[in-house]
Amino acid sequence: MALDADIKRLAAIPLLAELDVEALRLIAFAAETRVFRAGDVLFSKDDESNGGFVVLSGQIALDPSDDGRSASQFVGPDALIGEMALITETRRSVTAIARQPSVALWISRALFHRVLRKFPGSAARLQAVIEGRLSSFSKSARTVTN
């Protein structure tokens, strides 16, 4: 039953909603559940990233300044942290700290790529979504610079 609940939660996340149910099942089965105490650091700004976290419970502070000031953003259950890290090599743009006891599902980039290879239809839908986002971003950037 827990696996079905995890699949349903993953399917509610916009990026992951593009994946087939069986692709989500593989992610839910193979991803690692991580438990954090209040104050635990999930990752630090500028760390190399190799995957993402789906927050299952608790609250995570995302601090782009990494200088001890209050975090500018907080995320809770069903948030995906590190979306781009699932797809490509990147560095963390924020420090993520558990504000309260929290549980997250760790999805490594290797696992995510394995799922996309195994489910090419999911990969094609995901590619279309990302291309759409990049196109919108590009149009917005041109508008700002003109």
N, C-alpha and C. Protein backbone atom coordinates (compact mmCIF):
# COMPACT_ATOMS: atom_id res chain seq x y z
N MET A 1 0.82 -1.20 0.00
CA MET A 1 0.00 0.00 0.00
C MET A 1 0.86 1.26 0.00
N ALA A 2 1.96 1.27 0.74
CA ALA A 2 2.82 2.45 0.81
C ALA A 2 3.38 2.78 -0.58
N LEU A 3 3.70 1.77 -1.36
CA LEU A 3 4.22 2.00 -2.70
C LEU A 3 3.19 2.73 -3.56
N ASP A 4 1.94 2.31 -3.49
CA ASP A 4 0.88 2.97 -4.25
C ASP A 4 0.69 4.42 -3.80
N ALA A 5 0.81 4.66 -2.52
CA ALA A 5 0.70 6.03 -2.00
C ALA A 5 1.85 6.89 -2.51
N ASP A 6 3.06 6.32 -2.54
CA ASP A 6 4.21 7.06 -3.06
C ASP A 6 4.04 7.37 -4.54
N ILE A 7 3.53 6.43 -5.31
CA ILE A 7 3.29 6.64 -6.75
C ILE A 7 2.29 7.78 -6.94
N LYS A 8 1.23 7.77 -6.16
CA LYS A 8 0.22 8.83 -6.27
C LYS A 8 0.82 10.19 -5.94
N ARG A 9 1.67 10.25 -4.93
CA ARG A 9 2.31 11.51 -4.56
C ARG A 9 3.25 11.98 -5.66
N LEU A 10 4.02 11.07 -6.22
CA LEU A 10 4.95 11.43 -7.29
C LEU A 10 4.18 11.95 -8.51
N ALA A 11 3.05 11.33 -8.81
CA ALA A 11 2.25 11.72 -9.97
C ALA A 11 1.66 13.12 -9.82
N ALA A 12 1.56 13.62 -8.60
CA ALA A 12 1.01 14.95 -8.35
C ALA A 12 2.04 16.06 -8.55
N ILE A 13 3.30 15.71 -8.71
CA ILE A 13 4.36 16.70 -8.90
C ILE A 13 4.44 17.01 -10.40
N PRO A 14 4.33 18.28 -10.77
CA PRO A 14 4.22 18.63 -12.20
C PRO A 14 5.24 17.96 -13.12
N LEU A 15 6.51 18.01 -12.83
CA LEU A 15 7.49 17.41 -13.72
C LEU A 15 7.31 15.88 -13.80
N LEU A 16 7.10 15.26 -12.67
CA LEU A 16 6.98 13.80 -12.63
C LEU A 16 5.65 13.32 -13.17
N ALA A 17 4.65 14.19 -13.23
CA ALA A 17 3.33 13.82 -13.75
C ALA A 17 3.41 13.40 -15.21
N GLU A 18 4.48 13.76 -15.89
CA GLU A 18 4.65 13.38 -17.30
C GLU A 18 5.06 11.92 -17.47
N LEU A 19 5.43 11.28 -16.39
CA LEU A 19 5.92 9.90 -16.46
C LEU A 19 4.79 8.88 -16.39
N ASP A 20 4.98 7.75 -17.06
CA ASP A 20 4.03 6.64 -17.00
C ASP A 20 3.93 6.13 -15.56
N VAL A 21 2.81 5.53 -15.23
CA VAL A 21 2.62 4.98 -13.89
C VAL A 21 3.71 3.96 -13.57
N GLU A 22 4.07 3.12 -14.54
CA GLU A 22 5.11 2.12 -14.28
C GLU A 22 6.47 2.77 -14.06
N ALA A 23 6.73 3.90 -14.71
CA ALA A 23 7.97 4.64 -14.47
C ALA A 23 7.97 5.19 -13.04
N LEU A 24 6.84 5.72 -12.62
CA LEU A 24 6.73 6.23 -11.25
C LEU A 24 6.87 5.10 -10.23
N ARG A 25 6.34 3.93 -10.59
CA ARG A 25 6.46 2.76 -9.70
C ARG A 25 7.93 2.41 -9.50
N LEU A 26 8.70 2.42 -10.58
CA LEU A 26 10.13 2.12 -10.47
C LEU A 26 10.84 3.15 -9.60
N ILE A 27 10.52 4.42 -9.79
CA ILE A 27 11.13 5.46 -8.96
C ILE A 27 10.75 5.26 -7.50
N ALA A 28 9.47 5.07 -7.23
CA ALA A 28 9.00 4.89 -5.85
C ALA A 28 9.66 3.69 -5.19
N PHE A 29 9.87 2.63 -5.95
CA PHE A 29 10.47 1.42 -5.42
C PHE A 29 11.97 1.59 -5.18
N ALA A 30 12.66 2.24 -6.11
CA ALA A 30 14.12 2.29 -6.06
C ALA A 30 14.68 3.52 -5.34
N ALA A 31 13.88 4.56 -5.18
CA ALA A 31 14.38 5.77 -4.51
C ALA A 31 14.62 5.46 -3.03
N GLU A 32 15.43 6.28 -2.43
CA GLU A 32 15.85 6.08 -1.03
C GLU A 32 15.10 7.05 -0.12
N THR A 33 14.47 6.53 0.92
CA THR A 33 13.81 7.38 1.91
C THR A 33 14.87 7.87 2.89
N ARG A 34 14.90 9.19 3.09
CA ARG A 34 15.86 9.79 4.02
C ARG A 34 15.10 10.56 5.10
N VAL A 35 15.55 10.39 6.32
CA VAL A 35 14.94 11.04 7.47
C VAL A 35 15.90 12.12 7.98
N PHE A 36 15.35 13.32 8.22
CA PHE A 36 16.15 14.45 8.69
C PHE A 36 15.59 14.98 10.00
N ARG A 37 16.49 15.34 10.90
CA ARG A 37 16.10 16.03 12.13
C ARG A 37 16.08 17.53 11.84
N ALA A 38 15.38 18.28 12.67
CA ALA A 38 15.38 19.74 12.53
C ALA A 38 16.84 20.22 12.59
N GLY A 39 17.23 21.03 11.62
CA GLY A 39 18.58 21.56 11.56
C GLY A 39 19.52 20.78 10.65
N ASP A 40 19.14 19.58 10.25
CA ASP A 40 19.99 18.79 9.35
C ASP A 40 20.06 19.48 7.98
N VAL A 41 21.26 19.46 7.40
CA VAL A 41 21.46 20.04 6.08
C VAL A 41 21.33 18.93 5.05
N LEU A 42 20.40 19.13 4.10
CA LEU A 42 20.23 18.16 3.01
C LEU A 42 21.38 18.31 2.03
N PHE A 43 21.72 19.56 1.71
CA PHE A 43 22.85 19.89 0.85
C PHE A 43 23.16 21.37 1.01
N SER A 44 24.35 21.76 0.58
CA SER A 44 24.80 23.14 0.70
C SER A 44 24.92 23.80 -0.67
N LYS A 45 24.78 25.12 -0.66
CA LYS A 45 24.93 25.90 -1.88
C LYS A 45 26.28 25.59 -2.52
N ASP A 46 26.29 25.46 -3.82
CA ASP A 46 27.46 25.18 -4.65
C ASP A 46 27.93 23.72 -4.61
N ASP A 47 27.27 22.87 -3.82
CA ASP A 47 27.59 21.44 -3.88
C ASP A 47 27.25 20.92 -5.28
N GLU A 48 28.02 19.93 -5.73
CA GLU A 48 27.63 19.24 -6.96
C GLU A 48 26.35 18.47 -6.64
N SER A 49 25.42 18.51 -7.57
CA SER A 49 24.17 17.80 -7.32
C SER A 49 24.07 16.59 -8.23
N ASN A 50 23.49 15.54 -7.68
CA ASN A 50 23.34 14.32 -8.46
C ASN A 50 21.98 13.68 -8.27
N GLY A 51 20.99 14.54 -7.98
CA GLY A 51 19.64 14.04 -7.83
C GLY A 51 18.76 15.03 -7.12
N GLY A 52 17.53 14.62 -6.87
CA GLY A 52 16.56 15.50 -6.25
C GLY A 52 15.85 14.83 -5.09
N PHE A 53 15.16 15.66 -4.32
CA PHE A 53 14.41 15.21 -3.15
C PHE A 53 12.94 15.54 -3.34
N VAL A 54 12.08 14.60 -3.03
CA VAL A 54 10.65 14.86 -2.92
C VAL A 54 10.35 14.87 -1.43
N VAL A 55 9.88 16.01 -0.93
CA VAL A 55 9.57 16.13 0.49
C VAL A 55 8.28 15.36 0.76
N LEU A 56 8.36 14.41 1.69
CA LEU A 56 7.19 13.61 2.06
C LEU A 56 6.51 14.17 3.30
N SER A 57 7.31 14.71 4.23
CA SER A 57 6.75 15.33 5.43
C SER A 57 7.76 16.33 5.97
N GLY A 58 7.25 17.26 6.76
CA GLY A 58 8.12 18.27 7.36
C GLY A 58 8.21 19.52 6.52
N GLN A 59 9.25 20.30 6.78
CA GLN A 59 9.45 21.56 6.06
C GLN A 59 10.95 21.77 5.85
N ILE A 60 11.30 22.18 4.65
CA ILE A 60 12.69 22.42 4.28
C ILE A 60 12.86 23.90 3.93
N ALA A 61 13.87 24.53 4.52
CA ALA A 61 14.21 25.92 4.21
C ALA A 61 15.22 25.92 3.07
N LEU A 62 15.00 26.79 2.08
CA LEU A 62 15.91 26.93 0.95
C LEU A 62 16.55 28.31 1.04
N ASP A 63 17.85 28.34 1.28
CA ASP A 63 18.56 29.58 1.55
C ASP A 63 19.57 29.87 0.44
N PRO A 64 19.27 30.83 -0.45
CA PRO A 64 20.20 31.13 -1.54
C PRO A 64 21.41 31.95 -1.10
N SER A 65 21.30 32.66 0.04
CA SER A 65 22.40 33.52 0.47
C SER A 65 23.49 32.72 1.19
N ASP A 66 23.10 31.69 1.91
CA ASP A 66 24.03 30.83 2.63
C ASP A 66 24.92 31.64 3.57
N ASP A 67 24.35 32.71 4.17
CA ASP A 67 25.15 33.55 5.06
C ASP A 67 24.54 33.67 6.45
N GLY A 68 23.63 32.77 6.78
CA GLY A 68 23.05 32.77 8.11
C GLY A 68 21.77 33.59 8.24
N ARG A 69 21.43 34.37 7.22
CA ARG A 69 20.17 35.10 7.27
C ARG A 69 19.01 34.12 7.14
N SER A 70 17.82 34.59 7.44
CA SER A 70 16.64 33.74 7.31
C SER A 70 16.48 33.30 5.86
N ALA A 71 16.04 32.08 5.70
CA ALA A 71 15.80 31.54 4.35
C ALA A 71 14.69 32.32 3.68
N SER A 72 14.76 32.39 2.37
CA SER A 72 13.75 33.14 1.61
C SER A 72 12.58 32.26 1.16
N GLN A 73 12.77 30.96 1.20
CA GLN A 73 11.71 30.08 0.72
C GLN A 73 11.67 28.83 1.59
N PHE A 74 10.44 28.35 1.79
CA PHE A 74 10.23 27.13 2.56
C PHE A 74 9.35 26.21 1.72
N VAL A 75 9.67 24.93 1.71
CA VAL A 75 8.85 23.97 0.99
C VAL A 75 8.44 22.85 1.93
N GLY A 76 7.29 22.29 1.63
CA GLY A 76 6.76 21.22 2.46
C GLY A 76 6.44 20.00 1.63
N PRO A 77 5.54 19.18 2.13
CA PRO A 77 5.22 17.92 1.47
C PRO A 77 4.84 18.10 0.00
N ASP A 78 5.33 17.16 -0.78
CA ASP A 78 5.08 17.05 -2.22
C ASP A 78 5.85 18.06 -3.06
N ALA A 79 6.81 18.74 -2.47
CA ALA A 79 7.69 19.63 -3.24
C ALA A 79 8.86 18.81 -3.77
N LEU A 80 9.29 19.14 -4.98
CA LEU A 80 10.47 18.53 -5.59
C LEU A 80 11.60 19.54 -5.51
N ILE A 81 12.66 19.17 -4.83
CA ILE A 81 13.84 20.03 -4.69
C ILE A 81 14.93 19.45 -5.58
N GLY A 82 15.48 20.27 -6.46
CA GLY A 82 16.57 19.80 -7.32
C GLY A 82 16.08 19.18 -8.61
N GLU A 83 15.04 19.74 -9.16
CA GLU A 83 14.44 19.22 -10.39
C GLU A 83 15.47 19.08 -11.51
N MET A 84 16.25 20.13 -11.76
CA MET A 84 17.23 20.07 -12.85
C MET A 84 18.34 19.06 -12.57
N ALA A 85 18.64 18.82 -11.31
CA ALA A 85 19.67 17.86 -10.95
C ALA A 85 19.28 16.43 -11.33
N LEU A 86 18.00 16.19 -11.54
CA LEU A 86 17.56 14.87 -12.01
C LEU A 86 17.98 14.65 -13.46
N ILE A 87 18.16 15.75 -14.18
CA ILE A 87 18.36 15.67 -15.62
C ILE A 87 19.81 15.88 -16.03
N THR A 88 20.47 16.85 -15.40
CA THR A 88 21.81 17.21 -15.85
C THR A 88 22.72 17.54 -14.67
N GLU A 89 24.01 17.52 -14.92
CA GLU A 89 24.97 17.91 -13.89
C GLU A 89 24.81 19.39 -13.61
N THR A 90 24.77 19.73 -12.35
CA THR A 90 24.61 21.12 -11.95
C THR A 90 25.14 21.29 -10.54
N ARG A 91 25.19 22.51 -10.08
CA ARG A 91 25.56 22.80 -8.70
C ARG A 91 24.33 23.33 -7.98
N ARG A 92 24.26 23.08 -6.71
CA ARG A 92 23.13 23.54 -5.91
C ARG A 92 23.14 25.06 -5.83
N SER A 93 21.99 25.68 -6.05
CA SER A 93 21.87 27.14 -6.00
C SER A 93 21.45 27.64 -4.63
N VAL A 94 21.13 26.72 -3.73
CA VAL A 94 20.69 27.06 -2.38
C VAL A 94 21.25 26.05 -1.39
N THR A 95 21.17 26.40 -0.11
CA THR A 95 21.39 25.44 0.95
C THR A 95 20.02 25.00 1.43
N ALA A 96 19.82 23.71 1.60
CA ALA A 96 18.54 23.16 2.05
C ALA A 96 18.71 22.60 3.46
N ILE A 97 17.88 23.11 4.38
CA ILE A 97 17.98 22.73 5.79
C ILE A 97 16.59 22.33 6.29
N ALA A 98 16.52 21.20 6.97
CA ALA A 98 15.25 20.77 7.55
C ALA A 98 14.90 21.73 8.69
N ARG A 99 13.71 22.35 8.62
CA ARG A 99 13.26 23.27 9.67
C ARG A 99 12.58 22.51 10.81
N GLN A 100 12.18 21.31 10.53
CA GLN A 100 11.52 20.46 11.51
C GLN A 100 11.81 19.02 11.09
N PRO A 101 11.54 18.05 11.93
CA PRO A 101 11.75 16.68 11.48
C PRO A 101 11.06 16.46 10.13
N SER A 102 11.79 15.90 9.19
CA SER A 102 11.30 15.78 7.81
C SER A 102 11.71 14.45 7.22
N VAL A 103 10.94 14.01 6.25
CA VAL A 103 11.25 12.80 5.49
C VAL A 103 11.19 13.18 4.01
N ALA A 104 12.17 12.71 3.26
CA ALA A 104 12.21 13.00 1.83
C ALA A 104 12.60 11.74 1.07
N LEU A 105 12.15 11.67 -0.15
CA LEU A 105 12.50 10.59 -1.06
C LEU A 105 13.64 11.09 -1.94
N TRP A 106 14.79 10.45 -1.87
CA TRP A 106 15.97 10.82 -2.65
C TRP A 106 15.93 10.06 -3.98
N ILE A 107 15.92 10.81 -5.09
CA ILE A 107 15.92 10.22 -6.42
C ILE A 107 17.25 10.59 -7.07
N SER A 108 18.10 9.63 -7.26
CA SER A 108 19.40 9.93 -7.88
C SER A 108 19.23 10.18 -9.37
N ARG A 109 20.15 10.94 -9.93
CA ARG A 109 20.12 11.19 -11.38
C ARG A 109 20.27 9.88 -12.13
N ALA A 110 21.11 8.99 -11.64
CA ALA A 110 21.31 7.69 -12.30
C ALA A 110 19.99 6.92 -12.37
N LEU A 111 19.24 6.91 -11.28
CA LEU A 111 17.94 6.23 -11.28
C LEU A 111 16.99 6.91 -12.26
N PHE A 112 16.93 8.23 -12.23
CA PHE A 112 16.02 8.95 -13.11
C PHE A 112 16.35 8.68 -14.58
N HIS A 113 17.63 8.69 -14.92
CA HIS A 113 18.03 8.41 -16.31
C HIS A 113 17.69 6.97 -16.69
N ARG A 114 17.87 6.04 -15.76
CA ARG A 114 17.52 4.64 -16.03
C ARG A 114 16.03 4.52 -16.34
N VAL A 115 15.21 5.23 -15.58
CA VAL A 115 13.76 5.21 -15.80
C VAL A 115 13.43 5.79 -17.17
N LEU A 116 14.08 6.89 -17.55
CA LEU A 116 13.80 7.51 -18.85
C LEU A 116 14.22 6.60 -20.01
N ARG A 117 15.31 5.86 -19.84
CA ARG A 117 15.73 4.91 -20.88
C ARG A 117 14.73 3.75 -21.00
N LYS A 118 14.22 3.32 -19.87
CA LYS A 118 13.30 2.18 -19.86
C LYS A 118 11.90 2.57 -20.36
N PHE A 119 11.54 3.85 -20.23
CA PHE A 119 10.22 4.33 -20.61
C PHE A 119 10.37 5.51 -21.57
N PRO A 120 10.67 5.23 -22.85
CA PRO A 120 10.94 6.31 -23.81
C PRO A 120 9.74 7.24 -24.05
N GLY A 121 8.53 6.75 -23.90
CA GLY A 121 7.36 7.62 -24.04
C GLY A 121 7.36 8.68 -22.94
N SER A 122 7.69 8.27 -21.74
CA SER A 122 7.80 9.22 -20.62
C SER A 122 8.90 10.24 -20.91
N ALA A 123 10.01 9.75 -21.42
CA ALA A 123 11.13 10.65 -21.73
C ALA A 123 10.73 11.68 -22.77
N ALA A 124 9.98 11.26 -23.79
CA ALA A 124 9.56 12.19 -24.85
C ALA A 124 8.62 13.25 -24.29
N ARG A 125 7.69 12.86 -23.42
CA ARG A 125 6.77 13.84 -22.82
C ARG A 125 7.53 14.82 -21.93
N LEU A 126 8.47 14.29 -21.17
CA LEU A 126 9.29 15.14 -20.30
C LEU A 126 10.11 16.13 -21.12
N GLN A 127 10.68 15.65 -22.21
CA GLN A 127 11.45 16.52 -23.09
C GLN A 127 10.58 17.65 -23.63
N ALA A 128 9.37 17.36 -24.03
CA ALA A 128 8.47 18.38 -24.56
C ALA A 128 8.15 19.43 -23.49
N VAL A 129 7.94 19.01 -22.27
CA VAL A 129 7.66 19.95 -21.19
C VAL A 129 8.86 20.86 -20.94
N ILE A 130 10.03 20.27 -20.90
CA ILE A 130 11.24 21.07 -20.65
C ILE A 130 11.50 22.03 -21.80
N GLU A 131 11.30 21.57 -23.02
CA GLU A 131 11.46 22.47 -24.17
C GLU A 131 10.47 23.63 -24.10
N GLY A 132 9.25 23.35 -23.68
CA GLY A 132 8.25 24.41 -23.52
C GLY A 132 8.66 25.42 -22.47
N ARG A 133 9.19 24.93 -21.37
CA ARG A 133 9.65 25.83 -20.31
C ARG A 133 10.80 26.70 -20.80
N LEU A 134 11.74 26.10 -21.51
CA LEU A 134 12.88 26.86 -22.03
C LEU A 134 12.43 27.90 -23.04
N SER A 135 11.47 27.56 -23.87
CA SER A 135 10.94 28.50 -24.85
C SER A 135 10.28 29.69 -24.14
N SER A 136 9.48 29.41 -23.12
CA SER A 136 8.84 30.48 -22.36
C SER A 136 9.87 31.35 -21.67
N PHE A 137 10.88 30.74 -21.11
CA PHE A 137 11.94 31.49 -20.44
C PHE A 137 12.67 32.38 -21.44
N SER A 138 12.96 31.82 -22.59
CA SER A 138 13.66 32.58 -23.63
C SER A 138 12.84 33.78 -24.08
N LYS A 139 11.54 33.59 -24.27
CA LYS A 139 10.66 34.71 -24.66
C LYS A 139 10.63 35.78 -23.57
N SER A 140 10.55 35.35 -22.32
CA SER A 140 10.54 36.30 -21.20
C SER A 140 11.85 37.07 -21.13
N ALA A 141 12.96 36.38 -21.34
CA ALA A 141 14.26 37.03 -21.29
C ALA A 141 14.40 38.07 -22.40
N ARG A 142 13.90 37.75 -23.58
CA ARG A 142 13.96 38.71 -24.70
C ARG A 142 13.11 39.94 -24.40
N THR A 143 11.96 39.73 -23.77
CA THR A 143 11.08 40.84 -23.42
C THR A 143 11.76 41.77 -22.41
N VAL A 144 12.45 41.21 -21.45
CA VAL A 144 13.13 42.00 -20.42
C VAL A 144 14.27 42.81 -21.01
N THR A 145 15.00 42.23 -21.95
CA THR A 145 16.17 42.90 -22.52
C THR A 145 15.82 43.89 -23.61
N ASN A 146 14.61 43.84 -24.14
CA ASN A 146 14.21 44.79 -25.21
C ASN A 146 13.64 46.06 -24.66
